[in-house]
C-alpha atoms as a PDB file:
ATOM      1  CA  UNK A   1       9.129 112.674   5.227  1.00  0.00           C
ATOM      2  CA  UNK A   2      12.013 114.950   6.277  1.00  0.00           C
ATOM      3  CA  UNK A   3      11.362 118.321   7.901  1.00  0.00           C
ATOM      4  CA  UNK A   4      12.908 120.036   4.877  1.00  0.00           C
ATOM      5  CA  UNK A   5      10.203 118.506   2.695  1.00  0.00           C
ATOM      6  CA  UNK A   6       7.520 120.077   4.895  1.00  0.00           C
ATOM      7  CA  UNK A   7       8.943 123.612   4.747  1.00  0.00           C
ATOM      8  CA  UNK A   8       7.183 124.669   1.512  1.00  0.00           C
ATOM      9  CA  UNK A   9       3.755 123.473   2.645  1.00  0.00           C
ATOM     10  CA  UNK A  10       4.082 125.073   6.087  1.00  0.00           C
ATOM     11  CA  UNK A  11       5.284 128.306   4.500  1.00  0.00           C
ATOM     12  CA  UNK A  12       2.390 128.348   2.030  1.00  0.00           C
ATOM     13  CA  UNK A  13      -0.221 127.592   4.684  1.00  0.00           C
ATOM     14  CA  UNK A  14       0.942 130.437   6.907  1.00  0.00           C
ATOM     15  CA  UNK A  15       0.976 132.762   3.881  1.00  0.00           C
ATOM     16  CA  UNK A  16      -2.576 131.788   2.963  1.00  0.00           C
ATOM     17  CA  UNK A  17      -3.772 132.098   6.558  1.00  0.00           C
ATOM     18  CA  UNK A  18      -2.265 135.568   6.948  1.00  0.00           C
ATOM     19  CA  UNK A  19      -3.702 136.871   3.689  1.00  0.00           C
ATOM     20  CA  UNK A  20      -7.137 135.411   4.406  1.00  0.00           C
ATOM     21  CA  UNK A  21      -7.246 136.758   7.969  1.00  0.00           C
ATOM     22  CA  UNK A  22      -6.048 140.210   6.893  1.00  0.00           C
ATOM     23  CA  UNK A  23      -9.120 140.641   4.690  1.00  0.00           C
ATOM     24  CA  UNK A  24     -11.612 138.624   6.722  1.00  0.00           C
ATOM     25  CA  UNK A  25     -11.000 140.404  10.036  1.00  0.00           C
ATOM     26  CA  UNK A  26     -10.019 142.898   8.436  1.00  0.00           C
ATOM     27  CA  UNK A  27      -6.587 143.840   9.752  1.00  0.00           C
ATOM     28  CA  UNK A  28      -6.489 147.401  11.133  1.00  0.00           C
ATOM     29  CA  UNK A  29      -9.986 147.912   9.765  1.00  0.00           C
ATOM     30  CA  UNK A  30      -8.951 147.827   6.106  1.00  0.00           C
ATOM     31  CA  UNK A  31      -9.040 145.177   3.430  1.00  0.00           C
ATOM     32  CA  UNK A  32      -6.257 145.099   0.875  1.00  0.00           C
ATOM     33  CA  UNK A  33      -8.377 146.495  -1.961  1.00  0.00           C
ATOM     34  CA  UNK A  34      -9.571 149.497   0.045  1.00  0.00           C
ATOM     35  CA  UNK A  35      -5.981 150.342   0.924  1.00  0.00           C
ATOM     36  CA  UNK A  36      -4.984 150.133  -2.726  1.00  0.00           C
ATOM     37  CA  UNK A  37      -7.641 152.712  -3.610  1.00  0.00           C
ATOM     38  CA  UNK A  38      -6.223 155.036  -0.950  1.00  0.00           C
ATOM     39  CA  UNK A  39      -2.926 155.286  -2.839  1.00  0.00           C
ATOM     40  CA  UNK A  40      -3.643 156.185  -6.480  1.00  0.00           C
ATOM     41  CA  UNK A  41      -0.671 155.729  -8.781  1.00  0.00           C
ATOM     42  CA  UNK A  42      -2.013 156.481 -12.239  1.00  0.00           C
ATOM     43  CA  UNK A  43      -1.426 152.898 -13.379  1.00  0.00           C
ATOM     44  CA  UNK A  44      -2.854 150.609 -10.682  1.00  0.00           C
ATOM     45  CA  UNK A  45      -4.901 147.927 -12.486  1.00  0.00           C
ATOM     46  CA  UNK A  46      -8.598 147.387 -11.683  1.00  0.00           C
ATOM     47  CA  UNK A  47      -9.610 144.970  -8.953  1.00  0.00           C
ATOM     48  CA  UNK A  48     -10.289 141.988 -11.231  1.00  0.00           C
ATOM     49  CA  UNK A  49      -6.639 141.888 -12.270  1.00  0.00           C
ATOM     50  CA  UNK A  50      -5.683 141.078  -8.677  1.00  0.00           C
ATOM     51  CA  UNK A  51      -7.619 137.838  -9.069  1.00  0.00           C
ATOM     52  CA  UNK A  52      -4.322 136.450 -10.352  1.00  0.00           C
ATOM     53  CA  UNK A  53      -3.476 135.831  -6.700  1.00  0.00           C
ATOM     54  CA  UNK A  54      -5.840 132.847  -6.749  1.00  0.00           C
ATOM     55  CA  UNK A  55      -3.788 131.302  -9.563  1.00  0.00           C
ATOM     56  CA  UNK A  56      -0.559 132.148  -7.720  1.00  0.00           C
ATOM     57  CA  UNK A  57      -1.833 130.459  -4.557  1.00  0.00           C
ATOM     58  CA  UNK A  58      -2.808 127.355  -6.512  1.00  0.00           C
ATOM     59  CA  UNK A  59       0.659 127.322  -8.063  1.00  0.00           C
ATOM     60  CA  UNK A  60       2.359 127.650  -4.683  1.00  0.00           C
ATOM     61  CA  UNK A  61       0.244 124.819  -3.284  1.00  0.00           C
ATOM     62  CA  UNK A  62       1.200 122.721  -6.311  1.00  0.00           C
ATOM     63  CA  UNK A  63       4.858 123.413  -5.588  1.00  0.00           C
ATOM     64  CA  UNK A  64       4.383 122.729  -1.866  1.00  0.00           C
ATOM     65  CA  UNK A  65       2.831 119.316  -2.425  1.00  0.00           C
ATOM     66  CA  UNK A  66       5.437 118.507  -5.062  1.00  0.00           C
ATOM     67  CA  UNK A  67       8.081 118.899  -2.363  1.00  0.00           C
ATOM     68  CA  UNK A  68       6.968 115.678  -0.679  1.00  0.00           C
ATOM     69  CA  UNK A  69       4.417 113.955  -2.932  1.00  0.00           C
ATOM     70  CA  UNK A  70       6.364 113.530  -6.171  1.00  0.00           C
ATOM     71  CA  UNK A  71       9.093 111.449  -7.708  1.00  0.00           C
ATOM     72  CA  UNK A  72      12.596 111.992  -6.243  1.00  0.00           C
ATOM     73  CA  UNK A  73      13.764 114.250  -9.071  1.00  0.00           C
ATOM     74  CA  UNK A  74      10.865 116.659  -8.598  1.00  0.00           C
ATOM     75  CA  UNK A  75      11.284 116.600  -4.818  1.00  0.00           C
ATOM     76  CA  UNK A  76      14.967 117.413  -5.224  1.00  0.00           C
ATOM     77  CA  UNK A  77      14.185 120.387  -7.469  1.00  0.00           C
ATOM     78  CA  UNK A  78      11.588 121.660  -5.023  1.00  0.00           C
ATOM     79  CA  UNK A  79      13.923 121.206  -2.052  1.00  0.00           C
ATOM     80  CA  UNK A  80      16.662 123.223  -3.748  1.00  0.00           C
ATOM     81  CA  UNK A  81      14.687 126.433  -3.255  1.00  0.00           C
ATOM     82  CA  UNK A  82      12.706 125.603  -0.110  1.00  0.00           C
ATOM     83  CA  UNK A  83      14.738 127.790   2.258  1.00  0.00           C
ATOM     84  CA  UNK A  84      14.521 130.769  -0.072  1.00  0.00           C
ATOM     85  CA  UNK A  85      10.802 130.188  -0.400  1.00  0.00           C
ATOM     86  CA  UNK A  86      10.414 130.137   3.393  1.00  0.00           C
ATOM     87  CA  UNK A  87      12.047 133.577   3.620  1.00  0.00           C
ATOM     88  CA  UNK A  88       9.839 134.762   0.785  1.00  0.00           C
ATOM     89  CA  UNK A  89       6.614 133.509   2.372  1.00  0.00           C
ATOM     90  CA  UNK A  90       7.455 135.056   5.739  1.00  0.00           C
ATOM     91  CA  UNK A  91       8.255 138.335   4.024  1.00  0.00           C
ATOM     92  CA  UNK A  92       4.938 138.156   2.171  1.00  0.00           C
ATOM     93  CA  UNK A  93       3.097 137.851   5.480  1.00  0.00           C
ATOM     94  CA  UNK A  94       5.151 140.669   6.993  1.00  0.00           C
ATOM     95  CA  UNK A  95       4.221 142.852   4.017  1.00  0.00           C
ATOM     96  CA  UNK A  96       0.543 142.329   4.784  1.00  0.00           C
ATOM     97  CA  UNK A  97       1.005 143.775   8.279  1.00  0.00           C
ATOM     98  CA  UNK A  98       3.115 146.698   7.052  1.00  0.00           C
ATOM     99  CA  UNK A  99       0.603 147.509   4.306  1.00  0.00           C
ATOM    100  CA  UNK A 100      -2.489 147.217   6.467  1.00  0.00           C
ATOM    101  CA  UNK A 101      -0.966 149.402   9.182  1.00  0.00           C
ATOM    102  CA  UNK A 102       0.013 151.882   6.454  1.00  0.00           C
ATOM    103  CA  UNK A 103       3.769 151.715   6.970  1.00  0.00           C
ATOM    104  CA  UNK A 104       4.242 152.320   3.265  1.00  0.00           C
ATOM    105  CA  UNK A 105       8.025 152.734   3.295  1.00  0.00           C
ATOM    106  CA  UNK A 106       8.408 149.540   5.312  1.00  0.00           C
ATOM    107  CA  UNK A 107       6.081 147.751   2.891  1.00  0.00           C
ATOM    108  CA  UNK A 108       8.303 148.778  -0.038  1.00  0.00           C
ATOM    109  CA  UNK A 109      11.414 147.467   1.720  1.00  0.00           C
ATOM    110  CA  UNK A 110       9.687 144.175   2.479  1.00  0.00           C
ATOM    111  CA  UNK A 111       8.411 143.978  -1.092  1.00  0.00           C
ATOM    112  CA  UNK A 112      12.010 144.233  -2.264  1.00  0.00           C
ATOM    113  CA  UNK A 113      12.849 141.225  -0.080  1.00  0.00           C
ATOM    114  CA  UNK A 114       9.983 139.294  -1.682  1.00  0.00           C
ATOM    115  CA  UNK A 115      11.142 140.288  -5.159  1.00  0.00           C
ATOM    116  CA  UNK A 116      14.825 139.544  -4.546  1.00  0.00           C
ATOM    117  CA  UNK A 117      14.122 136.104  -3.056  1.00  0.00           C
ATOM    118  CA  UNK A 118      12.015 135.242  -6.098  1.00  0.00           C
ATOM    119  CA  UNK A 119      14.829 136.327  -8.404  1.00  0.00           C
ATOM    120  CA  UNK A 120      17.207 134.160  -6.376  1.00  0.00           C
ATOM    121  CA  UNK A 121      14.818 131.211  -6.704  1.00  0.00           C
ATOM    122  CA  UNK A 122      14.556 131.714 -10.469  1.00  0.00           C
ATOM    123  CA  UNK A 123      18.331 131.907 -10.847  1.00  0.00           C
ATOM    124  CA  UNK A 124      18.863 128.799  -8.746  1.00  0.00           C
ATOM    125  CA  UNK A 125      16.363 126.833 -10.802  1.00  0.00           C
ATOM    126  CA  UNK A 126      18.008 128.025 -14.006  1.00  0.00           C
ATOM    127  CA  UNK A 127      21.392 126.763 -12.804  1.00  0.00           C
ATOM    128  CA  UNK A 128      19.978 123.292 -12.297  1.00  0.00           C
ATOM    129  CA  UNK A 129      19.630 120.648 -14.990  1.00  0.00           C
ATOM    130  CA  UNK A 130      16.933 121.101 -17.635  1.00  0.00           C
ATOM    131  CA  UNK A 131      13.481 120.665 -16.206  1.00  0.00           C
ATOM    132  CA  UNK A 132      11.115 118.011 -17.497  1.00  0.00           C
ATOM    133  CA  UNK A 133       7.552 119.121 -18.191  1.00  0.00           C
ATOM    134  CA  UNK A 134       6.461 117.722 -14.825  1.00  0.00           C
ATOM    135  CA  UNK A 135       9.224 119.568 -12.987  1.00  0.00           C
ATOM    136  CA  UNK A 136       8.524 122.790 -14.854  1.00  0.00           C
ATOM    137  CA  UNK A 137       4.800 122.640 -14.177  1.00  0.00           C
ATOM    138  CA  UNK A 138       5.116 121.823 -10.472  1.00  0.00           C
ATOM    139  CA  UNK A 139       8.172 123.888  -9.527  1.00  0.00           C
ATOM    140  CA  UNK A 140       9.370 126.374 -12.136  1.00  0.00           C
ATOM    141  CA  UNK A 141       6.081 127.678 -13.532  1.00  0.00           C
ATOM    142  CA  UNK A 142       4.557 128.647 -10.152  1.00  0.00           C
ATOM    143  CA  UNK A 143       7.584 130.789  -9.376  1.00  0.00           C
ATOM    144  CA  UNK A 144       7.603 132.351 -12.856  1.00  0.00           C
ATOM    145  CA  UNK A 145       4.002 133.406 -12.284  1.00  0.00           C
ATOM    146  CA  UNK A 146       4.745 134.655  -8.774  1.00  0.00           C
ATOM    147  CA  UNK A 147       7.847 136.588  -9.882  1.00  0.00           C
ATOM    148  CA  UNK A 148       5.962 138.093 -12.804  1.00  0.00           C
ATOM    149  CA  UNK A 149       3.289 139.485 -10.521  1.00  0.00           C
ATOM    150  CA  UNK A 150       5.621 140.674  -7.760  1.00  0.00           C
ATOM    151  CA  UNK A 151       7.687 142.547 -10.341  1.00  0.00           C
ATOM    152  CA  UNK A 152       4.585 144.539 -11.250  1.00  0.00           C
ATOM    153  CA  UNK A 153       3.481 144.830  -7.624  1.00  0.00           C
ATOM    154  CA  UNK A 154       6.853 146.294  -6.645  1.00  0.00           C
ATOM    155  CA  UNK A 155       6.417 149.089  -9.184  1.00  0.00           C
ATOM    156  CA  UNK A 156       2.928 149.835  -7.872  1.00  0.00           C
ATOM    157  CA  UNK A 157       4.127 149.698  -4.256  1.00  0.00           C
ATOM    158  CA  UNK A 158       6.899 152.196  -5.009  1.00  0.00           C
ATOM    159  CA  UNK A 159       4.420 154.529  -6.702  1.00  0.00           C
ATOM    160  CA  UNK A 160       2.162 154.254  -3.641  1.00  0.00           C
ATOM    161  CA  UNK A 161       5.105 155.392  -1.528  1.00  0.00           C
ATOM    162  CA  UNK A 162       5.607 158.372  -3.841  1.00  0.00           C
ATOM    163  CA  UNK A 163       1.944 159.300  -3.430  1.00  0.00           C
ATOM    164  CA  UNK A 164       2.185 158.852   0.339  1.00  0.00           C
ATOM    165  CA  UNK A 165       5.189 161.192   0.515  1.00  0.00           C
ATOM    166  CA  UNK A 166       3.775 163.616  -2.048  1.00  0.00           C
ATOM    167  CA  UNK A 167       6.938 163.405  -4.124  1.00  0.00           C
ATOM    168  CA  UNK A 168       7.466 161.787  -7.508  1.00  0.00           C
ATOM    169  CA  UNK A 169      10.855 160.959  -9.087  1.00  0.00           C
ATOM    170  CA  UNK A 170      12.468 163.530 -11.377  1.00  0.00           C
ATOM    171  CA  UNK A 171       9.906 166.121 -10.240  1.00  0.00           C
ATOM    172  CA  UNK A 172       7.317 164.492 -12.499  1.00  0.00           C
ATOM    173  CA  UNK A 173       3.587 164.465 -11.879  1.00  0.00           C
ATOM    174  CA  UNK A 174       1.791 161.259 -10.913  1.00  0.00           C
ATOM    175  CA  UNK A 175       0.499 160.706 -14.435  1.00  0.00           C
ATOM    176  CA  UNK A 176       3.890 161.398 -15.988  1.00  0.00           C
ATOM    177  CA  UNK A 177       5.562 158.924 -13.641  1.00  0.00           C
ATOM    178  CA  UNK A 178       2.842 156.390 -14.435  1.00  0.00           C
ATOM    179  CA  UNK A 179       3.697 156.707 -18.124  1.00  0.00           C
ATOM    180  CA  UNK A 180       7.406 156.305 -17.425  1.00  0.00           C
ATOM    181  CA  UNK A 181       6.733 153.261 -15.244  1.00  0.00           C
ATOM    182  CA  UNK A 182       4.604 151.493 -17.845  1.00  0.00           C
ATOM    183  CA  UNK A 183       7.294 152.097 -20.476  1.00  0.00           C
ATOM    184  CA  UNK A 184      10.041 150.851 -18.149  1.00  0.00           C
ATOM    185  CA  UNK A 185       7.944 147.819 -17.241  1.00  0.00           C
ATOM    186  CA  UNK A 186       7.433 147.033 -20.917  1.00  0.00           C
ATOM    187  CA  UNK A 187      11.178 147.037 -21.464  1.00  0.00           C
ATOM    188  CA  UNK A 188      11.852 144.951 -18.374  1.00  0.00           C
ATOM    189  CA  UNK A 189       9.275 142.280 -19.193  1.00  0.00           C
ATOM    190  CA  UNK A 190      10.142 142.232 -22.902  1.00  0.00           C
ATOM    191  CA  UNK A 191      13.873 141.789 -22.322  1.00  0.00           C
ATOM    192  CA  UNK A 192      13.389 139.199 -19.580  1.00  0.00           C
ATOM    193  CA  UNK A 193      10.913 137.221 -21.667  1.00  0.00           C
ATOM    194  CA  UNK A 194      13.197 137.344 -24.704  1.00  0.00           C
ATOM    195  CA  UNK A 195      16.297 136.282 -22.760  1.00  0.00           C
ATOM    196  CA  UNK A 196      14.751 133.589 -20.564  1.00  0.00           C
ATOM    197  CA  UNK A 197      12.003 132.575 -23.021  1.00  0.00           C
ATOM    198  CA  UNK A 198       9.693 132.453 -20.017  1.00  0.00           C
ATOM    199  CA  UNK A 199       6.193 132.953 -21.428  1.00  0.00           C
ATOM    200  CA  UNK A 200       4.583 132.689 -18.001  1.00  0.00           C
ATOM    201  CA  UNK A 201       6.543 135.698 -16.754  1.00  0.00           C
ATOM    202  CA  UNK A 202       5.671 137.677 -19.873  1.00  0.00           C
ATOM    203  CA  UNK A 203       2.052 136.607 -19.671  1.00  0.00           C
ATOM    204  CA  UNK A 204       1.684 138.278 -16.292  1.00  0.00           C
ATOM    205  CA  UNK A 205       2.600 141.630 -17.827  1.00  0.00           C
ATOM    206  CA  UNK A 206       0.031 141.120 -20.573  1.00  0.00           C
ATOM    207  CA  UNK A 207      -2.605 140.401 -17.927  1.00  0.00           C
ATOM    208  CA  UNK A 208      -1.751 143.469 -15.829  1.00  0.00           C
ATOM    209  CA  UNK A 209      -1.364 145.758 -18.853  1.00  0.00           C
ATOM    210  CA  UNK A 210      -4.725 144.610 -20.194  1.00  0.00           C
ATOM    211  CA  UNK A 211      -6.292 145.786 -16.954  1.00  0.00           C
ATOM    212  CA  UNK A 212      -4.544 149.153 -17.227  1.00  0.00           C
ATOM    213  CA  UNK A 213      -5.580 149.556 -20.855  1.00  0.00           C
ATOM    214  CA  UNK A 214      -9.238 148.876 -20.121  1.00  0.00           C
ATOM    215  CA  UNK A 215      -9.640 150.671 -16.795  1.00  0.00           C
ATOM    216  CA  UNK A 216     -12.279 153.362 -17.117  1.00  0.00           C
ATOM    217  CA  UNK A 217     -11.037 155.825 -14.499  1.00  0.00           C
ATOM    218  CA  UNK A 218      -7.873 157.027 -12.804  1.00  0.00           C
ATOM    219  CA  UNK A 219      -5.622 156.325 -15.791  1.00  0.00           C
ATOM    220  CA  UNK A 220      -4.744 158.765 -18.578  1.00  0.00           C
ATOM    221  CA  UNK A 221      -5.142 157.961 -22.253  1.00  0.00           C
ATOM    222  CA  UNK A 222      -1.363 158.159 -22.708  1.00  0.00           C
ATOM    223  CA  UNK A 223      -0.800 155.501 -20.049  1.00  0.00           C
ATOM    224  CA  UNK A 224      -3.476 153.292 -21.578  1.00  0.00           C
ATOM    225  CA  UNK A 225      -1.875 153.644 -25.005  1.00  0.00           C
ATOM    226  CA  UNK A 226       1.507 152.757 -23.506  1.00  0.00           C
ATOM    227  CA  UNK A 227      -0.063 149.686 -21.924  1.00  0.00           C
ATOM    228  CA  UNK A 228      -1.523 148.575 -25.265  1.00  0.00           C
ATOM    229  CA  UNK A 229       1.841 149.096 -26.958  1.00  0.00           C
ATOM    230  CA  UNK A 230       3.495 147.139 -24.169  1.00  0.00           C
ATOM    231  CA  UNK A 231       1.097 144.254 -24.660  1.00  0.00           C
ATOM    232  CA  UNK A 232       2.026 144.067 -28.344  1.00  0.00           C
ATOM    233  CA  UNK A 233       5.766 144.164 -27.619  1.00  0.00           C
ATOM    234  CA  UNK A 234       5.657 141.490 -24.920  1.00  0.00           C
ATOM    235  CA  UNK A 235       3.317 139.270 -26.970  1.00  0.00           C
ATOM    236  CA  UNK A 236       5.871 139.351 -29.784  1.00  0.00           C
ATOM    237  CA  UNK A 237       8.574 138.254 -27.336  1.00  0.00           C
ATOM    238  CA  UNK A 238       6.305 135.506 -26.028  1.00  0.00           C
ATOM    239  CA  UNK A 239       5.543 134.292 -29.541  1.00  0.00           C
ATOM    240  CA  UNK A 240       9.240 134.124 -30.308  1.00  0.00           C
ATOM    241  CA  UNK A 241       9.797 132.165 -27.105  1.00  0.00           C
ATOM    242  CA  UNK A 242       7.104 129.653 -28.052  1.00  0.00           C
ATOM    243  CA  UNK A 243       8.491 129.212 -31.561  1.00  0.00           C
ATOM    244  CA  UNK A 244      11.994 128.593 -30.232  1.00  0.00           C
ATOM    245  CA  UNK A 245      10.972 126.573 -27.166  1.00  0.00           C
ATOM    246  CA  UNK A 246      12.819 123.495 -28.366  1.00  0.00           C
ATOM    247  CA  UNK A 247      16.059 125.450 -28.092  1.00  0.00           C
ATOM    248  CA  UNK A 248      15.477 126.439 -24.486  1.00  0.00           C
ATOM    249  CA  UNK A 249      18.065 125.214 -22.063  1.00  0.00           C
ATOM    250  CA  UNK A 250      16.175 125.541 -18.827  1.00  0.00           C
ATOM    251  CA  UNK A 251      12.522 125.037 -19.691  1.00  0.00           C
ATOM    252  CA  UNK A 252      10.809 122.288 -21.709  1.00  0.00           C
END
């Protein structure tokens, strides 16, 4: 087994170890959830929504093992993005330290690195030959899920920075910016889902928006209504993607 084949697994293990230790110790005396509550944004989902990280971790482990315990074609697809994934995983761990030590601006900059590397991974996979179901499940789908969540997390992280600095874009209030963000997110996820026909990516928005729509405190009725509307819009795009899946070029 070549060293390159081991990169994904090593990267995932260090990511898991860092995230586990940060909450078990906890790092700087805070766990991740407590810190999230310290930076209200007007659209942060409830805690149960963050349980998606368990699914993301399982997906990343699936990808990591696929890099050296699969048929050659799957290993080749996994290897094509292994270096980008290493940068991503290291950035994810760095974000944990920045967030726990409350360097909010630094955490936003690192989050952008995480997001950009995931976009680069998605684009690289799309440029490759059409994925079989096995390839899609073990390589493409985990990154679609991960990118879907980090896209939402980046918006929340930016809003946390606004709260930390006491300044919101366009001189809006927190609740007004929350409404704008949910509407922008709806457009972003809807267009991306429609263009790429990636139902996993769209499904992450539905999951997060469902949490926003049902949260009992800290979110205005207008934001909740926007979240419900967003769910409907993205579900329509997902349904269209499923109906036309046979025409997809990059996914089975």
